[in-house]
Amino acid sequence: MVTLTNARKKLLKSLDTHKGRRQSGLFMAQGSKCVLDTLAHFKADAIYALDEWACAHPEIGAEIVSRADMKEISTLVSAPDVVAVYSIPELKAPAPSPDKLYLALDRVQDPGNLGTIIRVADWMGIRTIYASSDTADMWSPKVVQATMGAIARVCVYYIDDIASFLKASSLPVFATALDGDNIYTAPLPSSAIIVMGNEGSGISAETSAAATRKLYIPSYPPGEPTSESLNVAIATAITLSEFRRRTSNF
């Protein structure tokens, strides 16, 4: 069994902060499913596990730690049975391909929402998400946990000027907005960039100006009092589902 030093514990606990992750170049995945789903996709700095998990997965070669140490380094309420510490990969945003569907995020700030959006994108076959630089950090423990392993297959590329990036794209850009066209009757292409906005204020004026079309998810029944808006992750799921339903052959 390995006894973690105070310096190592301090480093691992710092991965809960953006500054700590950037200074160390590391991020953390927690829990058996998340670790097993991501292990083959990222360079591991260290893997710490409780004795029972390490014995069940001897091929991984995890370092065995005490439950007390595991609880101290984890950000979860209950200590997980395994934690993996990975190097943050160097990422360069690829240019959009003319035959694919993409997501763009404008100031989505809740880590749980971002993690869920990544998970939805994974389900809908979207591997690339472009995001404004002030969108939540994809390497945050809360985001990683919320993706349920989808972070191994979907990557978020942060763009300093997302509005200019969208304007320069040859793909049609669809922004979700209350004054948009009904998504269920509007024509939808198989290749596009779909923009989702901030939880409270939606898409910024600059980013909205880069859109070639606007879409709206109507409430039901029409004209009845309803919630002010949909959660951005739920709206993303509905929007992507409609694009895929209309443009895919199942």
C-alpha atoms as a PDB file:
ATOM      1  CA  MET A   1       0.000   0.000   0.000  1.00  0.00           C
ATOM      2  CA  VAL A   2       1.246   3.469  -0.922  1.00  0.00           C
ATOM      3  CA  THR A   3       1.084   6.287   1.608  1.00  0.00           C
ATOM      4  CA  LEU A   4       0.524   9.555  -0.192  1.00  0.00           C
ATOM      5  CA  THR A   5       2.741  12.423   0.919  1.00  0.00           C
ATOM      6  CA  ASN A   6       1.242  15.735   1.931  1.00  0.00           C
ATOM      7  CA  ALA A   7       2.792  17.345  -1.156  1.00  0.00           C
ATOM      8  CA  ARG A   8       1.171  14.770  -3.433  1.00  0.00           C
ATOM      9  CA  LYS A   9      -2.188  15.172  -1.712  1.00  0.00           C
ATOM     10  CA  LYS A  10      -1.950  18.934  -2.127  1.00  0.00           C
ATOM     11  CA  LEU A  11      -1.233  18.520  -5.836  1.00  0.00           C
ATOM     12  CA  LEU A  12      -4.137  16.122  -6.350  1.00  0.00           C
ATOM     13  CA  LYS A  13      -6.553  18.337  -4.454  1.00  0.00           C
ATOM     14  CA  SER A  14      -5.458  21.306  -6.562  1.00  0.00           C
ATOM     15  CA  LEU A  15      -6.861  19.542  -9.648  1.00  0.00           C
ATOM     16  CA  ASP A  16     -10.301  20.682  -8.508  1.00  0.00           C
ATOM     17  CA  THR A  17      -9.290  24.212  -9.562  1.00  0.00           C
ATOM     18  CA  HIS A  18      -8.633  25.612 -13.031  1.00  0.00           C
ATOM     19  CA  LYS A  19      -5.349  27.129 -11.840  1.00  0.00           C
ATOM     20  CA  GLY A  20      -4.172  23.841 -10.348  1.00  0.00           C
ATOM     21  CA  ARG A  21      -4.929  21.920 -13.525  1.00  0.00           C
ATOM     22  CA  ARG A  22      -3.154  24.451 -15.744  1.00  0.00           C
ATOM     23  CA  GLN A  23      -0.078  24.647 -13.533  1.00  0.00           C
ATOM     24  CA  SER A  24       0.300  20.879 -13.253  1.00  0.00           C
ATOM     25  CA  GLY A  25      -0.992  19.935 -16.709  1.00  0.00           C
ATOM     26  CA  LEU A  26      -3.080  17.213 -15.078  1.00  0.00           C
ATOM     27  CA  PHE A  27      -6.740  16.303 -14.626  1.00  0.00           C
ATOM     28  CA  MET A  28      -8.571  13.595 -12.708  1.00  0.00           C
ATOM     29  CA  ALA A  29     -11.101  10.864 -13.548  1.00  0.00           C
ATOM     30  CA  GLN A  30     -12.896   9.174 -10.666  1.00  0.00           C
ATOM     31  CA  GLY A  31     -14.800   5.920 -10.273  1.00  0.00           C
ATOM     32  CA  SER A  32     -14.489   2.566 -12.020  1.00  0.00           C
ATOM     33  CA  LYS A  33     -16.603   3.292 -15.101  1.00  0.00           C
ATOM     34  CA  CYS A  34     -15.026   6.673 -15.800  1.00  0.00           C
ATOM     35  CA  VAL A  35     -11.488   5.347 -15.355  1.00  0.00           C
ATOM     36  CA  LEU A  36     -12.009   2.206 -17.434  1.00  0.00           C
ATOM     37  CA  ASP A  37     -13.643   4.228 -20.233  1.00  0.00           C
ATOM     38  CA  THR A  38     -10.824   6.781 -20.373  1.00  0.00           C
ATOM     39  CA  LEU A  39      -7.704   4.761 -19.587  1.00  0.00           C
ATOM     40  CA  ALA A  40      -6.898   3.911 -23.214  1.00  0.00           C
ATOM     41  CA  HIS A  41      -7.401   7.502 -24.412  1.00  0.00           C
ATOM     42  CA  PHE A  42      -5.198   9.593 -22.115  1.00  0.00           C
ATOM     43  CA  LYS A  43      -1.655   9.379 -20.787  1.00  0.00           C
ATOM     44  CA  ALA A  44      -1.831   8.279 -17.148  1.00  0.00           C
ATOM     45  CA  ASP A  45       0.348  10.076 -14.613  1.00  0.00           C
ATOM     46  CA  ALA A  46      -0.854   7.808 -11.789  1.00  0.00           C
ATOM     47  CA  ILE A  47      -3.720   5.471 -10.926  1.00  0.00           C
ATOM     48  CA  TYR A  48      -4.750   5.066  -7.296  1.00  0.00           C
ATOM     49  CA  ALA A  49      -7.165   2.376  -6.184  1.00  0.00           C
ATOM     50  CA  LEU A  50      -8.556   0.680  -3.122  1.00  0.00           C
ATOM     51  CA  ASP A  51      -7.234  -2.824  -2.538  1.00  0.00           C
ATOM     52  CA  GLU A  52     -10.372  -4.660  -3.721  1.00  0.00           C
ATOM     53  CA  TRP A  53     -10.511  -2.772  -7.045  1.00  0.00           C
ATOM     54  CA  ALA A  54      -6.772  -3.210  -7.676  1.00  0.00           C
ATOM     55  CA  CYS A  55      -7.073  -6.962  -7.076  1.00  0.00           C
ATOM     56  CA  ALA A  56     -10.021  -7.159  -9.495  1.00  0.00           C
ATOM     57  CA  HIS A  57      -8.026  -5.302 -12.194  1.00  0.00           C
ATOM     58  CA  PRO A  58      -4.426  -6.492 -11.789  1.00  0.00           C
ATOM     59  CA  GLU A  59      -3.599  -5.704 -15.435  1.00  0.00           C
ATOM     60  CA  ILE A  60      -3.898  -1.979 -14.745  1.00  0.00           C
ATOM     61  CA  GLY A  61      -1.200  -1.886 -12.112  1.00  0.00           C
ATOM     62  CA  ALA A  62      -2.845   0.694  -9.878  1.00  0.00           C
ATOM     63  CA  GLU A  63      -1.138   1.918  -6.740  1.00  0.00           C
ATOM     64  CA  ILE A  64      -3.116   0.804  -3.697  1.00  0.00           C
ATOM     65  CA  VAL A  65      -4.047   3.548  -1.234  1.00  0.00           C
ATOM     66  CA  SER A  66      -6.087   3.633   1.941  1.00  0.00           C
ATOM     67  CA  ARG A  67      -9.743   4.620   1.957  1.00  0.00           C
ATOM     68  CA  ALA A  68      -8.819   7.637   4.086  1.00  0.00           C
ATOM     69  CA  ASP A  69      -6.323   8.861   1.472  1.00  0.00           C
ATOM     70  CA  MET A  70      -8.793   8.161  -1.339  1.00  0.00           C
ATOM     71  CA  LYS A  71     -11.467  10.200   0.390  1.00  0.00           C
ATOM     72  CA  GLU A  72      -9.007  13.045   0.921  1.00  0.00           C
ATOM     73  CA  ILE A  73      -7.906  13.326  -2.721  1.00  0.00           C
ATOM     74  CA  SER A  74     -11.320  12.753  -4.317  1.00  0.00           C
ATOM     75  CA  THR A  75     -13.852  15.488  -5.040  1.00  0.00           C
ATOM     76  CA  LEU A  76     -16.785  13.075  -4.713  1.00  0.00           C
ATOM     77  CA  VAL A  77     -19.002  12.852  -1.635  1.00  0.00           C
ATOM     78  CA  SER A  78     -18.213   9.153  -1.221  1.00  0.00           C
ATOM     79  CA  ALA A  79     -14.686   7.917  -1.839  1.00  0.00           C
ATOM     80  CA  PRO A  80     -14.464   6.149  -5.234  1.00  0.00           C
ATOM     81  CA  ASP A  81     -12.712   2.807  -5.620  1.00  0.00           C
ATOM     82  CA  VAL A  82     -10.272   4.196  -8.171  1.00  0.00           C
ATOM     83  CA  VAL A  83      -8.906   7.554  -9.337  1.00  0.00           C
ATOM     84  CA  ALA A  84      -6.828   8.144 -12.461  1.00  0.00           C
ATOM     85  CA  VAL A  85      -4.627  11.198 -12.890  1.00  0.00           C
ATOM     86  CA  TYR A  86      -4.043  12.052 -16.557  1.00  0.00           C
ATOM     87  CA  SER A  87      -1.954  14.532 -18.510  1.00  0.00           C
ATOM     88  CA  ILE A  88      -4.067  17.194 -20.217  1.00  0.00           C
ATOM     89  CA  PRO A  89      -3.494  16.638 -23.955  1.00  0.00           C
ATOM     90  CA  GLU A  90      -2.301  19.377 -26.284  1.00  0.00           C
ATOM     91  CA  LEU A  91      -5.293  20.273 -28.439  1.00  0.00           C
ATOM     92  CA  LYS A  92      -5.546  22.277 -31.641  1.00  0.00           C
ATOM     93  CA  ALA A  93      -9.003  22.973 -33.016  1.00  0.00           C
ATOM     94  CA  PRO A  94      -9.564  21.249 -36.374  1.00  0.00           C
ATOM     95  CA  ALA A  95     -11.308  23.089 -39.185  1.00  0.00           C
ATOM     96  CA  PRO A  96     -14.943  21.984 -39.610  1.00  0.00           C
ATOM     97  CA  SER A  97     -15.431  19.285 -42.233  1.00  0.00           C
ATOM     98  CA  PRO A  98     -18.117  20.020 -44.862  1.00  0.00           C
ATOM     99  CA  ASP A  99     -19.892  16.717 -44.218  1.00  0.00           C
ATOM    100  CA  LYS A 100     -20.265  16.681 -40.436  1.00  0.00           C
ATOM    101  CA  LEU A 101     -22.466  18.084 -37.676  1.00  0.00           C
ATOM    102  CA  TYR A 102     -20.836  20.146 -34.931  1.00  0.00           C
ATOM    103  CA  LEU A 103     -21.742  21.852 -31.684  1.00  0.00           C
ATOM    104  CA  ALA A 104     -20.561  25.295 -30.602  1.00  0.00           C
ATOM    105  CA  LEU A 105     -21.016  26.545 -27.045  1.00  0.00           C
ATOM    106  CA  ASP A 106     -21.188  30.209 -26.112  1.00  0.00           C
ATOM    107  CA  ARG A 107     -20.393  30.830 -22.415  1.00  0.00           C
ATOM    108  CA  VAL A 108     -21.938  27.615 -21.036  1.00  0.00           C
ATOM    109  CA  GLN A 109     -20.670  27.934 -17.484  1.00  0.00           C
ATOM    110  CA  ASP A 110     -22.184  25.145 -15.407  1.00  0.00           C
ATOM    111  CA  PRO A 111     -19.829  22.115 -15.264  1.00  0.00           C
ATOM    112  CA  GLY A 112     -22.741  19.699 -14.961  1.00  0.00           C
ATOM    113  CA  ASN A 113     -24.361  21.139 -18.081  1.00  0.00           C
ATOM    114  CA  LEU A 114     -21.120  20.925 -20.051  1.00  0.00           C
ATOM    115  CA  GLY A 115     -20.543  17.339 -18.962  1.00  0.00           C
ATOM    116  CA  THR A 116     -24.082  16.369 -19.939  1.00  0.00           C
ATOM    117  CA  ILE A 117     -23.730  18.139 -23.307  1.00  0.00           C
ATOM    118  CA  ILE A 118     -20.536  16.157 -23.996  1.00  0.00           C
ATOM    119  CA  ARG A 119     -22.394  12.959 -23.100  1.00  0.00           C
ATOM    120  CA  VAL A 120     -25.302  13.887 -25.401  1.00  0.00           C
ATOM    121  CA  ALA A 121     -22.881  14.720 -28.218  1.00  0.00           C
ATOM    122  CA  ASP A 122     -21.267  11.319 -27.798  1.00  0.00           C
ATOM    123  CA  TRP A 123     -24.656   9.598 -28.069  1.00  0.00           C
ATOM    124  CA  MET A 124     -25.498  11.602 -31.188  1.00  0.00           C
ATOM    125  CA  GLY A 125     -22.207  10.863 -32.920  1.00  0.00           C
ATOM    126  CA  ILE A 126     -20.653  14.308 -32.560  1.00  0.00           C
ATOM    127  CA  ARG A 127     -16.940  14.185 -31.753  1.00  0.00           C
ATOM    128  CA  THR A 128     -16.010  17.874 -31.924  1.00  0.00           C
ATOM    129  CA  ILE A 129     -17.374  20.760 -29.872  1.00  0.00           C
ATOM    130  CA  TYR A 130     -16.152  24.330 -30.327  1.00  0.00           C
ATOM    131  CA  ALA A 131     -16.506  26.581 -27.293  1.00  0.00           C
ATOM    132  CA  SER A 132     -15.923  30.173 -26.318  1.00  0.00           C
ATOM    133  CA  SER A 133     -12.932  30.651 -24.022  1.00  0.00           C
ATOM    134  CA  ASP A 134     -15.246  31.502 -21.109  1.00  0.00           C
ATOM    135  CA  THR A 135     -17.115  28.197 -21.311  1.00  0.00           C
ATOM    136  CA  ALA A 136     -16.576  25.812 -18.364  1.00  0.00           C
ATOM    137  CA  ASP A 137     -13.328  23.836 -18.366  1.00  0.00           C
ATOM    138  CA  MET A 138     -13.807  20.351 -19.828  1.00  0.00           C
ATOM    139  CA  TRP A 139     -11.054  18.988 -17.523  1.00  0.00           C
ATOM    140  CA  SER A 140     -12.895  19.993 -14.339  1.00  0.00           C
ATOM    141  CA  PRO A 141     -13.654  16.935 -12.148  1.00  0.00           C
ATOM    142  CA  LYS A 142     -17.372  17.818 -12.245  1.00  0.00           C
ATOM    143  CA  VAL A 143     -17.366  17.942 -16.041  1.00  0.00           C
ATOM    144  CA  VAL A 144     -15.355  14.729 -16.383  1.00  0.00           C
ATOM    145  CA  GLN A 145     -17.706  12.955 -13.967  1.00  0.00           C
ATOM    146  CA  ALA A 146     -20.841  14.210 -15.736  1.00  0.00           C
ATOM    147  CA  THR A 147     -19.622  12.933 -19.113  1.00  0.00           C
ATOM    148  CA  MET A 148     -19.738   9.334 -17.831  1.00  0.00           C
ATOM    149  CA  GLY A 149     -16.736   8.452 -19.971  1.00  0.00           C
ATOM    150  CA  ALA A 150     -17.815  10.379 -23.086  1.00  0.00           C
ATOM    151  CA  ILE A 151     -14.831  12.699 -22.634  1.00  0.00           C
ATOM    152  CA  ALA A 152     -12.760   9.876 -24.152  1.00  0.00           C
ATOM    153  CA  ARG A 153     -14.591  10.261 -27.473  1.00  0.00           C
ATOM    154  CA  VAL A 154     -15.697  13.912 -27.611  1.00  0.00           C
ATOM    155  CA  CYS A 155     -13.343  16.860 -27.356  1.00  0.00           C
ATOM    156  CA  VAL A 156     -14.059  20.503 -26.583  1.00  0.00           C
ATOM    157  CA  TYR A 157     -11.827  22.979 -28.422  1.00  0.00           C
ATOM    158  CA  TYR A 158     -11.718  26.458 -26.886  1.00  0.00           C
ATOM    159  CA  ILE A 159     -11.759  29.391 -29.314  1.00  0.00           C
ATOM    160  CA  ASP A 160     -10.727  32.912 -28.246  1.00  0.00           C
ATOM    161  CA  ASP A 161     -13.137  34.595 -30.673  1.00  0.00           C
ATOM    162  CA  ILE A 162     -15.954  32.127 -31.271  1.00  0.00           C
ATOM    163  CA  ALA A 163     -18.028  34.652 -33.266  1.00  0.00           C
ATOM    164  CA  SER A 164     -15.257  35.229 -35.816  1.00  0.00           C
ATOM    165  CA  PHE A 165     -14.609  31.491 -35.981  1.00  0.00           C
ATOM    166  CA  LEU A 166     -18.254  30.836 -36.848  1.00  0.00           C
ATOM    167  CA  LYS A 167     -18.355  33.649 -39.419  1.00  0.00           C
ATOM    168  CA  ALA A 168     -15.350  32.149 -41.187  1.00  0.00           C
ATOM    169  CA  SER A 169     -16.938  28.699 -41.448  1.00  0.00           C
ATOM    170  CA  SER A 170     -18.347  27.515 -44.757  1.00  0.00           C
ATOM    171  CA  LEU A 171     -20.980  25.483 -42.904  1.00  0.00           C
ATOM    172  CA  PRO A 172     -24.416  26.895 -42.060  1.00  0.00           C
ATOM    173  CA  VAL A 173     -24.553  28.091 -38.466  1.00  0.00           C
ATOM    174  CA  PHE A 174     -27.772  27.493 -36.501  1.00  0.00           C
ATOM    175  CA  ALA A 175     -28.306  29.458 -33.304  1.00  0.00           C
ATOM    176  CA  THR A 176     -30.971  28.451 -30.797  1.00  0.00           C
ATOM    177  CA  ALA A 177     -33.097  31.493 -29.894  1.00  0.00           C
ATOM    178  CA  LEU A 178     -36.601  32.405 -28.768  1.00  0.00           C
ATOM    179  CA  ASP A 179     -37.183  34.322 -32.000  1.00  0.00           C
ATOM    180  CA  GLY A 180     -36.047  31.452 -34.234  1.00  0.00           C
ATOM    181  CA  ASP A 181     -37.947  29.225 -36.653  1.00  0.00           C
ATOM    182  CA  ASN A 182     -39.823  26.213 -35.313  1.00  0.00           C
ATOM    183  CA  ILE A 183     -37.241  23.414 -35.258  1.00  0.00           C
ATOM    184  CA  TYR A 184     -39.896  20.808 -36.158  1.00  0.00           C
ATOM    185  CA  THR A 185     -40.862  22.506 -39.417  1.00  0.00           C
ATOM    186  CA  ALA A 186     -37.658  24.295 -40.460  1.00  0.00           C
ATOM    187  CA  PRO A 187     -35.440  22.593 -43.077  1.00  0.00           C
ATOM    188  CA  LEU A 188     -32.363  21.061 -41.419  1.00  0.00           C
ATOM    189  CA  PRO A 189     -29.150  20.050 -43.198  1.00  0.00           C
ATOM    190  CA  SER A 190     -27.010  17.039 -42.304  1.00  0.00           C
ATOM    191  CA  SER A 191     -23.910  19.235 -41.986  1.00  0.00           C
ATOM    192  CA  ALA A 192     -23.917  22.358 -39.821  1.00  0.00           C
ATOM    193  CA  ILE A 193     -22.690  24.016 -36.647  1.00  0.00           C
ATOM    194  CA  ILE A 194     -25.320  24.271 -33.918  1.00  0.00           C
ATOM    195  CA  VAL A 195     -24.751  26.991 -31.319  1.00  0.00           C
ATOM    196  CA  MET A 196     -26.028  26.694 -27.745  1.00  0.00           C
ATOM    197  CA  GLY A 197     -25.823  29.620 -25.342  1.00  0.00           C
ATOM    198  CA  ASN A 198     -25.326  30.623 -21.738  1.00  0.00           C
ATOM    199  CA  GLU A 199     -27.707  29.257 -19.108  1.00  0.00           C
ATOM    200  CA  GLY A 200     -29.036  32.671 -18.125  1.00  0.00           C
ATOM    201  CA  SER A 201     -28.498  35.027 -21.050  1.00  0.00           C
ATOM    202  CA  GLY A 202     -28.399  32.724 -24.066  1.00  0.00           C
ATOM    203  CA  ILE A 203     -26.175  33.429 -27.048  1.00  0.00           C
ATOM    204  CA  SER A 204     -24.238  36.700 -27.105  1.00  0.00           C
ATOM    205  CA  ALA A 205     -25.106  39.348 -29.681  1.00  0.00           C
ATOM    206  CA  GLU A 206     -21.755  38.872 -31.434  1.00  0.00           C
ATOM    207  CA  THR A 207     -22.179  35.125 -31.731  1.00  0.00           C
ATOM    208  CA  SER A 208     -25.820  35.457 -32.746  1.00  0.00           C
ATOM    209  CA  ALA A 209     -24.767  37.779 -35.567  1.00  0.00           C
ATOM    210  CA  ALA A 210     -22.553  35.003 -36.927  1.00  0.00           C
ATOM    211  CA  ALA A 211     -25.525  32.649 -37.296  1.00  0.00           C
ATOM    212  CA  THR A 212     -27.103  32.068 -40.682  1.00  0.00           C
ATOM    213  CA  ARG A 213     -30.321  30.643 -39.194  1.00  0.00           C
ATOM    214  CA  LYS A 214     -32.112  30.668 -35.847  1.00  0.00           C
ATOM    215  CA  LEU A 215     -34.123  27.799 -34.396  1.00  0.00           C
ATOM    216  CA  TYR A 216     -36.672  27.611 -31.604  1.00  0.00           C
ATOM    217  CA  ILE A 217     -37.987  24.608 -29.660  1.00  0.00           C
ATOM    218  CA  PRO A 218     -41.695  25.384 -29.154  1.00  0.00           C
ATOM    219  CA  SER A 219     -43.471  24.499 -25.935  1.00  0.00           C
ATOM    220  CA  TYR A 220     -46.678  22.463 -25.905  1.00  0.00           C
ATOM    221  CA  PRO A 221     -49.504  23.205 -26.201  1.00  0.00           C
ATOM    222  CA  PRO A 222     -48.953  26.512 -28.036  1.00  0.00           C
ATOM    223  CA  GLY A 223     -49.962  29.589 -26.100  1.00  0.00           C
ATOM    224  CA  GLU A 224     -50.168  27.889 -22.688  1.00  0.00           C
ATOM    225  CA  PRO A 225     -48.149  29.289 -19.731  1.00  0.00           C
ATOM    226  CA  THR A 226     -44.906  27.367 -19.343  1.00  0.00           C
ATOM    227  CA  SER A 227     -41.352  27.553 -18.030  1.00  0.00           C
ATOM    228  CA  GLU A 228     -39.306  30.537 -19.166  1.00  0.00           C
ATOM    229  CA  SER A 229     -36.742  28.369 -20.927  1.00  0.00           C
ATOM    230  CA  LEU A 230     -35.223  24.902 -21.211  1.00  0.00           C
ATOM    231  CA  ASN A 231     -32.035  23.802 -19.509  1.00  0.00           C
ATOM    232  CA  VAL A 232     -29.226  24.139 -22.064  1.00  0.00           C
ATOM    233  CA  ALA A 233     -28.251  20.460 -21.874  1.00  0.00           C
ATOM    234  CA  ILE A 234     -31.869  19.371 -22.442  1.00  0.00           C
ATOM    235  CA  ALA A 235     -32.222  21.852 -25.302  1.00  0.00           C
ATOM    236  CA  THR A 236     -29.037  20.451 -26.830  1.00  0.00           C
ATOM    237  CA  ALA A 237     -30.391  16.906 -26.652  1.00  0.00           C
ATOM    238  CA  ILE A 238     -33.691  17.895 -28.315  1.00  0.00           C
ATOM    239  CA  THR A 239     -31.939  19.908 -31.031  1.00  0.00           C
ATOM    240  CA  LEU A 240     -29.392  17.234 -31.916  1.00  0.00           C
ATOM    241  CA  SER A 241     -32.065  14.553 -31.871  1.00  0.00           C
ATOM    242  CA  GLU A 242     -34.169  16.480 -34.384  1.00  0.00           C
ATOM    243  CA  PHE A 243     -31.204  17.059 -36.687  1.00  0.00           C
ATOM    244  CA  ARG A 244     -30.298  13.375 -36.591  1.00  0.00           C
ATOM    245  CA  ARG A 245     -33.924  12.229 -36.987  1.00  0.00           C
ATOM    246  CA  ARG A 246     -34.361  14.284 -40.141  1.00  0.00           C
ATOM    247  CA  THR A 247     -31.028  13.714 -41.793  1.00  0.00           C
ATOM    248  CA  SER A 248     -29.981  10.164 -40.887  1.00  0.00           C
ATOM    249  CA  ASN A 249     -30.958   6.821 -42.313  1.00  0.00           C
ATOM    250  CA  PHE A 250     -31.531   4.399 -39.456  1.00  0.00           C
END
